[in-house]
Amino acid sequence: MIEELKNLGLLTSLFTIVGIITGVFLTFITSWLLKKRETRLRISSQLIEKRINAHEKILTLVKTMRATLSIEKMNVENLYITYPIIFQSKDDFQKWRSSFFLTTNEYSHWLGLKVTRELYFIQDYIVNLDKRLEKIPSENYIQIGIILRNDFLSMAANVEKEVITYFESGWRTLKIEKNNKWHKFPKKISIKRLEETNLYKRHLEIHKYMYKKEKSIPRNDIKKVTELYNIAPNGLKVDMVILREVPNIDNSGEEYELIYKECEDFGDKIKFGHCELIGGRIMFDKVDKNAQVLGIDYKAMKLLVNWIEENIEEIDYLNETIEYE
């Protein structure tokens, strides 16, 4: 057969035709692969752009949670007391709340899993907050903002952290991870985190601002351990009272364990009682026959301290004896 084709001069033509067909086929395949890759890159670029844009929108949103205003009063640490600007009034909070839910729902399908979980935790927080705000007059929203300030700063910081992590590495993948995983934290983790917020820990203080206008300003956050002291002429801390935050007896809030130390360089730490800030009682770890913790109002303590200061007898250490009439 091949010899016959050679004799007829058709073999060369056949190879030429096969070569042309092969070349056309390879050109088509190459062109198709390049086109497919170009389309994929174009779609990938658009998807990445949408995901980056969604994270930028969320970053802008949570920054509104961090913006604060001052009430022009200072706390015991000589820092201005501030509150989130979204708590200026009931209307301001409701507008922010609507903006938060609309924005997170609009962009949630483009977000990384960790960012989404932080946002859903904030939604759970807001739902629980709503039940309390229903009973709070608009005039008291600033006071509520002072109480909840650190909650909003902490939640915003958590979201920002996860968004920045996404910008550093997460944008490289087009895989939408949450399609295969639950979009919220496990229930146990969510409840634990909620219980650590001021919304839960300071609910008795929040209750004070329900139902009627209240002009008093709540305390700013106290640290887990706070030291109060005077400074002696030699620069040492003296008259030290150390307050350590602990759960109260029914676990409905916090109170503060009181520890006394005469001087930072000598003397033992002496635990002498507790105090609570809902009413301001100082308790000396004694109970009456009805198992009620005995204590006195801080105003009574101030009267006692003032009386001691007015009537204290200074000791003259230069004399060997002290004579009395």
Protein backbone atom coordinates (compact mmCIF):
# COMPACT_ATOMS: atom_id res chain seq x y z
CA MET A 1 0.00 0.00 0.00
CA ILE A 2 2.75 2.43 0.97
CA GLU A 3 4.69 1.45 -2.17
CA GLU A 4 1.64 2.13 -4.29
CA LEU A 5 1.20 5.54 -2.65
CA LYS A 6 4.87 6.30 -3.27
CA ASN A 7 4.50 5.31 -6.90
CA LEU A 8 1.48 7.50 -7.26
CA GLY A 9 3.28 10.42 -5.44
CA LEU A 10 0.51 10.68 -2.91
CA LEU A 11 2.47 9.86 0.26
CA THR A 12 4.03 13.32 0.52
CA SER A 13 0.66 14.94 0.01
CA LEU A 14 -0.87 12.71 2.68
CA PHE A 15 1.80 13.65 5.21
CA THR A 16 1.27 17.31 4.36
CA ILE A 17 -2.48 17.02 4.95
CA VAL A 18 -1.95 15.16 8.24
CA GLY A 19 0.56 17.79 9.33
CA ILE A 20 -1.85 20.58 8.51
CA ILE A 21 -4.69 18.87 10.37
CA THR A 22 -2.44 18.21 13.39
CA GLY A 23 -1.21 21.81 13.38
CA VAL A 24 -4.74 23.15 13.19
CA PHE A 25 -5.81 20.83 16.02
CA LEU A 26 -2.87 21.82 18.23
CA THR A 27 -3.45 25.50 17.47
CA PHE A 28 -7.13 25.08 18.40
CA ILE A 29 -6.27 23.26 21.66
CA THR A 30 -3.64 25.86 22.61
CA SER A 31 -5.99 28.71 21.79
CA TRP A 32 -8.79 27.06 23.77
CA LEU A 33 -6.56 26.48 26.79
CA LEU A 34 -5.26 30.05 26.67
CA LYS A 35 -8.80 31.37 26.35
CA LYS A 36 -9.94 29.22 29.24
CA ARG A 37 -7.03 30.41 31.37
CA GLU A 38 -7.70 34.02 30.43
CA THR A 39 -11.38 33.65 31.33
CA ARG A 40 -10.47 31.99 34.63
CA LEU A 41 -7.99 34.75 35.45
CA ARG A 42 -10.55 37.41 34.58
CA ILE A 43 -13.21 35.75 36.74
CA SER A 44 -10.68 35.15 39.52
CA SER A 45 -9.67 38.78 39.42
CA GLN A 46 -13.29 39.86 39.70
CA LEU A 47 -13.96 37.45 42.57
CA ILE A 48 -10.86 38.56 44.47
CA GLU A 49 -11.85 42.19 43.91
CA LYS A 50 -15.34 41.50 45.29
CA ARG A 51 -13.95 39.71 48.34
CA ILE A 52 -11.43 42.46 49.07
CA ASN A 53 -14.15 45.08 48.63
CA ALA A 54 -16.43 43.18 51.03
CA HIS A 55 -13.72 43.07 53.70
CA GLU A 56 -13.02 46.78 53.21
CA LYS A 57 -16.73 47.53 53.73
CA ILE A 58 -16.70 45.52 56.96
CA LEU A 59 -13.53 47.28 58.11
CA THR A 60 -15.20 50.66 57.55
CA LEU A 61 -18.30 49.47 59.39
CA VAL A 62 -16.52 48.29 62.54
CA LYS A 63 -14.52 51.50 62.72
CA THR A 64 -17.80 53.20 63.60
CA MET A 65 -17.85 50.98 66.70
CA ARG A 66 -14.47 52.34 67.76
CA ALA A 67 -15.27 56.04 67.38
CA THR A 68 -15.82 57.57 70.83
CA LEU A 69 -16.78 60.91 72.36
CA SER A 70 -15.84 62.36 75.75
CA ILE A 71 -18.30 63.59 78.37
CA GLU A 72 -15.66 66.08 79.57
CA LYS A 73 -15.31 64.32 82.92
CA MET A 74 -12.34 62.34 84.20
CA ASN A 75 -12.15 59.02 85.99
CA VAL A 76 -9.99 58.17 89.00
CA GLU A 77 -7.02 57.58 86.68
CA ASN A 78 -7.35 61.13 85.29
CA LEU A 79 -8.50 59.88 81.90
CA TYR A 80 -11.50 61.36 80.13
CA ILE A 81 -14.60 59.16 80.31
CA THR A 82 -15.74 58.30 76.79
CA TYR A 83 -18.53 56.39 75.08
CA PRO A 84 -19.08 55.03 71.54
CA ILE A 85 -20.48 57.79 69.32
CA ILE A 86 -23.26 55.44 68.19
CA PHE A 87 -24.77 55.79 71.71
CA GLN A 88 -25.38 59.54 71.49
CA SER A 89 -29.11 58.86 71.32
CA LYS A 90 -31.61 56.10 70.67
CA ASP A 91 -31.97 57.24 67.04
CA ASP A 92 -28.19 57.17 66.49
CA PHE A 93 -27.96 53.63 67.82
CA GLN A 94 -30.92 52.40 65.78
CA LYS A 95 -29.42 53.88 62.59
CA TRP A 96 -26.07 52.20 63.28
CA ARG A 97 -27.80 48.93 64.16
CA SER A 98 -29.70 48.92 60.84
CA SER A 99 -26.51 49.78 58.95
CA PHE A 100 -24.66 46.93 60.66
CA PHE A 101 -27.25 44.27 59.81
CA LEU A 102 -27.73 45.48 56.22
CA THR A 103 -23.99 45.65 55.50
CA THR A 104 -23.11 42.30 57.05
CA ASN A 105 -25.99 40.55 55.29
CA GLU A 106 -25.07 42.13 51.94
CA TYR A 107 -21.41 41.11 52.03
CA SER A 108 -21.35 38.04 54.29
CA HIS A 109 -21.12 35.54 51.39
CA TRP A 110 -17.80 37.09 50.27
CA LEU A 111 -16.18 37.12 53.69
CA GLY A 112 -13.66 34.75 55.25
CA LEU A 113 -15.03 32.28 57.79
CA LYS A 114 -13.29 33.85 60.79
CA VAL A 115 -14.53 37.33 59.91
CA THR A 116 -18.06 35.98 59.44
CA ARG A 117 -18.04 34.29 62.85
CA GLU A 118 -16.95 37.51 64.58
CA LEU A 119 -19.76 39.41 62.84
CA TYR A 120 -22.37 36.83 63.83
CA PHE A 121 -21.14 37.05 67.42
CA ILE A 122 -21.74 40.82 67.30
CA GLN A 123 -25.23 40.13 65.94
CA ASP A 124 -25.92 37.81 68.90
CA TYR A 125 -24.63 40.52 71.23
CA ILE A 126 -26.93 43.14 69.64
CA VAL A 127 -29.96 40.84 69.90
CA ASN A 128 -29.30 40.44 73.64
CA LEU A 129 -28.65 44.18 74.00
CA ASP A 130 -31.95 45.02 72.25
CA LYS A 131 -33.95 43.38 75.04
CA ARG A 132 -32.40 45.78 77.57
CA LEU A 133 -32.53 48.88 75.37
CA GLU A 134 -36.29 48.47 74.93
CA LYS A 135 -36.72 49.78 78.48
CA ILE A 136 -34.05 52.51 78.42
CA PRO A 137 -35.02 56.14 77.61
CA SER A 138 -33.06 57.86 74.85
CA GLU A 139 -31.64 60.30 77.43
CA ASN A 140 -29.81 57.41 79.13
CA TYR A 141 -28.08 56.00 76.05
CA ILE A 142 -24.83 57.87 76.75
CA GLN A 143 -24.60 56.24 80.19
CA ILE A 144 -25.23 52.83 78.61
CA GLY A 145 -22.49 53.63 76.08
CA ILE A 146 -20.06 54.33 78.93
CA ILE A 147 -20.84 50.94 80.49
CA LEU A 148 -20.58 49.04 77.18
CA ARG A 149 -17.67 51.02 75.69
CA ASN A 150 -15.06 48.29 76.14
CA ASP A 151 -17.41 45.64 74.71
CA PHE A 152 -17.68 47.54 71.42
CA LEU A 153 -13.96 48.31 71.29
CA SER A 154 -13.12 44.66 71.89
CA MET A 155 -15.59 43.32 69.31
CA ALA A 156 -14.37 45.83 66.71
CA ALA A 157 -10.75 44.90 67.41
CA ASN A 158 -11.53 41.19 66.92
CA VAL A 159 -13.12 41.83 63.53
CA GLU A 160 -10.28 44.12 62.42
CA LYS A 161 -7.74 41.47 63.41
CA GLU A 162 -9.41 38.82 61.24
CA VAL A 163 -9.84 41.23 58.29
CA ILE A 164 -6.15 42.14 58.41
CA THR A 165 -5.27 38.43 58.53
CA TYR A 166 -7.37 37.94 55.39
CA PHE A 167 -5.61 40.82 53.62
CA GLU A 168 -2.26 39.24 54.49
CA SER A 169 -2.98 35.79 53.10
CA GLY A 170 -6.64 34.81 52.73
CA TRP A 171 -7.27 36.68 49.48
CA ARG A 172 -5.01 34.23 47.59
CA THR A 173 -7.67 31.50 47.66
CA LEU A 174 -11.02 31.65 45.91
CA LYS A 175 -12.41 28.88 48.08
CA ILE A 176 -15.34 30.07 50.17
CA GLU A 177 -14.54 28.10 53.28
CA LYS A 178 -17.79 28.67 55.15
CA ASN A 179 -19.81 26.79 52.53
CA ASN A 180 -18.66 23.62 54.26
CA LYS A 181 -18.54 24.90 57.86
CA TRP A 182 -20.99 26.44 60.33
CA HIS A 183 -20.92 30.23 60.11
CA LYS A 184 -21.13 30.84 63.88
CA PHE A 185 -18.94 29.98 66.85
CA PRO A 186 -19.97 26.84 68.74
CA LYS A 187 -22.77 27.70 71.19
CA LYS A 188 -20.57 27.06 74.23
CA ILE A 189 -17.93 29.52 73.00
CA SER A 190 -20.52 32.19 72.14
CA ILE A 191 -22.15 31.95 75.58
CA LYS A 192 -18.78 32.10 77.33
CA ARG A 193 -17.77 35.19 75.36
CA LEU A 194 -21.10 36.88 76.06
CA GLU A 195 -20.74 36.20 79.78
CA GLU A 196 -17.38 37.99 79.73
CA THR A 197 -18.89 41.20 78.35
CA ASN A 198 -19.98 44.21 80.41
CA LEU A 199 -23.47 43.68 78.99
CA TYR A 200 -23.68 40.62 81.25
CA LYS A 201 -21.21 41.40 84.02
CA ARG A 202 -22.70 44.84 84.72
CA HIS A 203 -26.37 44.13 84.09
CA LEU A 204 -27.33 45.44 87.54
CA GLU A 205 -25.78 48.81 86.68
CA ILE A 206 -27.61 48.81 83.34
CA HIS A 207 -30.87 48.17 85.20
CA LYS A 208 -30.42 51.48 87.03
CA TYR A 209 -30.91 53.36 83.73
CA MET A 210 -34.13 51.61 82.73
CA TYR A 211 -37.61 53.13 82.70
CA LYS A 212 -36.76 56.76 83.68
CA LYS A 213 -34.27 59.51 82.92
CA GLU A 214 -31.15 59.17 85.08
CA LYS A 215 -28.49 61.89 85.26
CA SER A 216 -25.83 60.00 87.21
CA ILE A 217 -22.75 58.81 85.34
CA PRO A 218 -21.75 55.13 85.68
CA ARG A 219 -18.24 54.19 86.58
CA ASN A 220 -15.70 53.71 83.86
CA ASP A 221 -14.20 50.23 83.60
CA ILE A 222 -12.14 49.16 86.59
CA LYS A 223 -9.16 46.94 85.87
CA LYS A 224 -9.10 43.33 87.04
CA VAL A 225 -6.64 44.49 89.68
CA THR A 226 -6.60 48.15 90.76
CA GLU A 227 -4.18 49.79 93.19
CA LEU A 228 -5.05 52.87 95.25
CA TYR A 229 -2.26 54.48 97.23
CA ASN A 230 -0.60 57.61 98.51
CA ILE A 231 3.01 58.54 97.79
CA ALA A 232 5.35 59.01 100.76
CA PRO A 233 8.02 61.77 100.75
CA ASN A 234 10.62 59.15 99.81
CA GLY A 235 8.58 58.11 96.76
CA LEU A 236 7.26 54.80 98.12
CA LYS A 237 3.65 53.71 97.72
CA VAL A 238 1.91 53.76 101.13
CA ASP A 239 -1.64 53.30 102.46
CA MET A 240 -2.17 50.80 99.67
CA VAL A 241 -5.61 49.36 98.97
CA ILE A 242 -5.65 46.69 96.27
CA LEU A 243 -8.99 45.88 94.61
CA ARG A 244 -9.33 42.59 92.77
CA GLU A 245 -12.41 41.87 90.66
CA VAL A 246 -14.27 38.69 91.74
CA PRO A 247 -17.80 37.31 91.14
CA ASN A 248 -20.35 38.34 93.75
CA ILE A 249 -22.05 35.83 96.02
CA ASP A 250 -24.93 34.97 93.65
CA ASN A 251 -22.77 35.21 90.53
CA SER A 252 -25.01 37.95 89.10
CA GLY A 253 -22.19 40.45 88.73
CA GLU A 254 -18.84 41.57 90.09
CA GLU A 255 -17.58 42.88 93.39
CA TYR A 256 -14.10 43.76 94.53
CA GLU A 257 -11.94 41.97 97.06
CA LEU A 258 -10.19 44.49 99.32
CA ILE A 259 -6.56 44.01 100.35
CA TYR A 260 -4.54 46.41 102.51
CA LYS A 261 -0.77 46.86 102.54
CA GLU A 262 0.92 49.51 104.64
CA CYS A 263 3.86 50.06 102.28
CA GLU A 264 5.05 48.52 99.05
CA ASP A 265 8.42 47.60 100.60
CA PHE A 266 7.27 46.06 103.88
CA GLY A 267 4.20 44.69 105.63
CA ASP A 268 1.98 41.78 104.71
CA LYS A 269 -1.04 41.97 102.44
CA ILE A 270 -4.19 41.76 104.55
CA LYS A 271 -7.53 40.85 102.97
CA PHE A 272 -10.14 42.73 104.98
CA GLY A 273 -13.36 42.57 102.99
CA HIS A 274 -15.21 43.31 99.78
CA CYS A 275 -16.98 46.24 98.17
CA GLU A 276 -19.63 46.49 95.50
CA LEU A 277 -20.44 49.40 93.23
CA ILE A 278 -24.22 48.94 93.00
CA GLY A 279 -24.95 51.12 96.01
CA GLY A 280 -21.39 51.34 97.27
CA ARG A 281 -21.31 49.07 100.33
CA ILE A 282 -18.04 48.09 102.00
CA MET A 283 -18.31 44.63 103.59
CA PHE A 284 -15.98 43.18 106.17
CA ASP A 285 -16.52 39.45 105.57
CA LYS A 286 -18.73 39.06 108.64
CA VAL A 287 -22.27 37.73 108.61
CA ASP A 288 -25.16 38.22 111.01
CA LYS A 289 -27.50 35.53 112.37
CA ASN A 290 -29.45 35.63 109.10
CA ALA A 291 -26.24 35.00 107.11
CA GLN A 292 -26.37 38.53 105.69
CA VAL A 293 -23.00 40.05 104.87
CA LEU A 294 -22.41 43.00 107.18
CA GLY A 295 -21.18 46.22 105.67
CA ILE A 296 -21.43 49.98 105.71
CA ASP A 297 -22.17 52.55 103.03
CA TYR A 298 -19.13 54.23 101.49
CA LYS A 299 -20.58 57.61 102.54
CA ALA A 300 -20.47 56.47 106.15
CA MET A 301 -16.87 55.36 105.59
CA LYS A 302 -16.04 58.83 104.25
CA LEU A 303 -17.53 60.40 107.40
CA LEU A 304 -15.39 58.11 109.56
CA VAL A 305 -12.23 58.85 107.53
CA ASN A 306 -12.88 62.61 107.69
CA TRP A 307 -13.41 62.42 111.46
CA ILE A 308 -10.14 60.54 111.91
CA GLU A 309 -8.29 63.10 109.78
CA GLU A 310 -9.72 65.97 111.84
CA ASN A 311 -8.95 64.41 115.21
CA ILE A 312 -5.85 62.31 114.63
CA GLU A 313 -3.06 62.74 117.17
CA GLU A 314 0.33 63.10 115.59
CA ILE A 315 3.03 60.99 117.24
CA ASP A 316 6.21 62.82 118.18
CA TYR A 317 8.87 60.19 117.54
CA LEU A 318 11.57 62.49 119.01
CA ASN A 319 10.22 62.04 122.56
CA GLU A 320 10.83 58.79 124.35
CA THR A 321 7.53 58.92 126.22
CA ILE A 322 4.06 60.24 125.58
CA GLU A 323 2.41 61.77 128.64
CA TYR A 324 -1.36 62.04 129.08
CA GLU A 325 -3.19 64.30 131.48
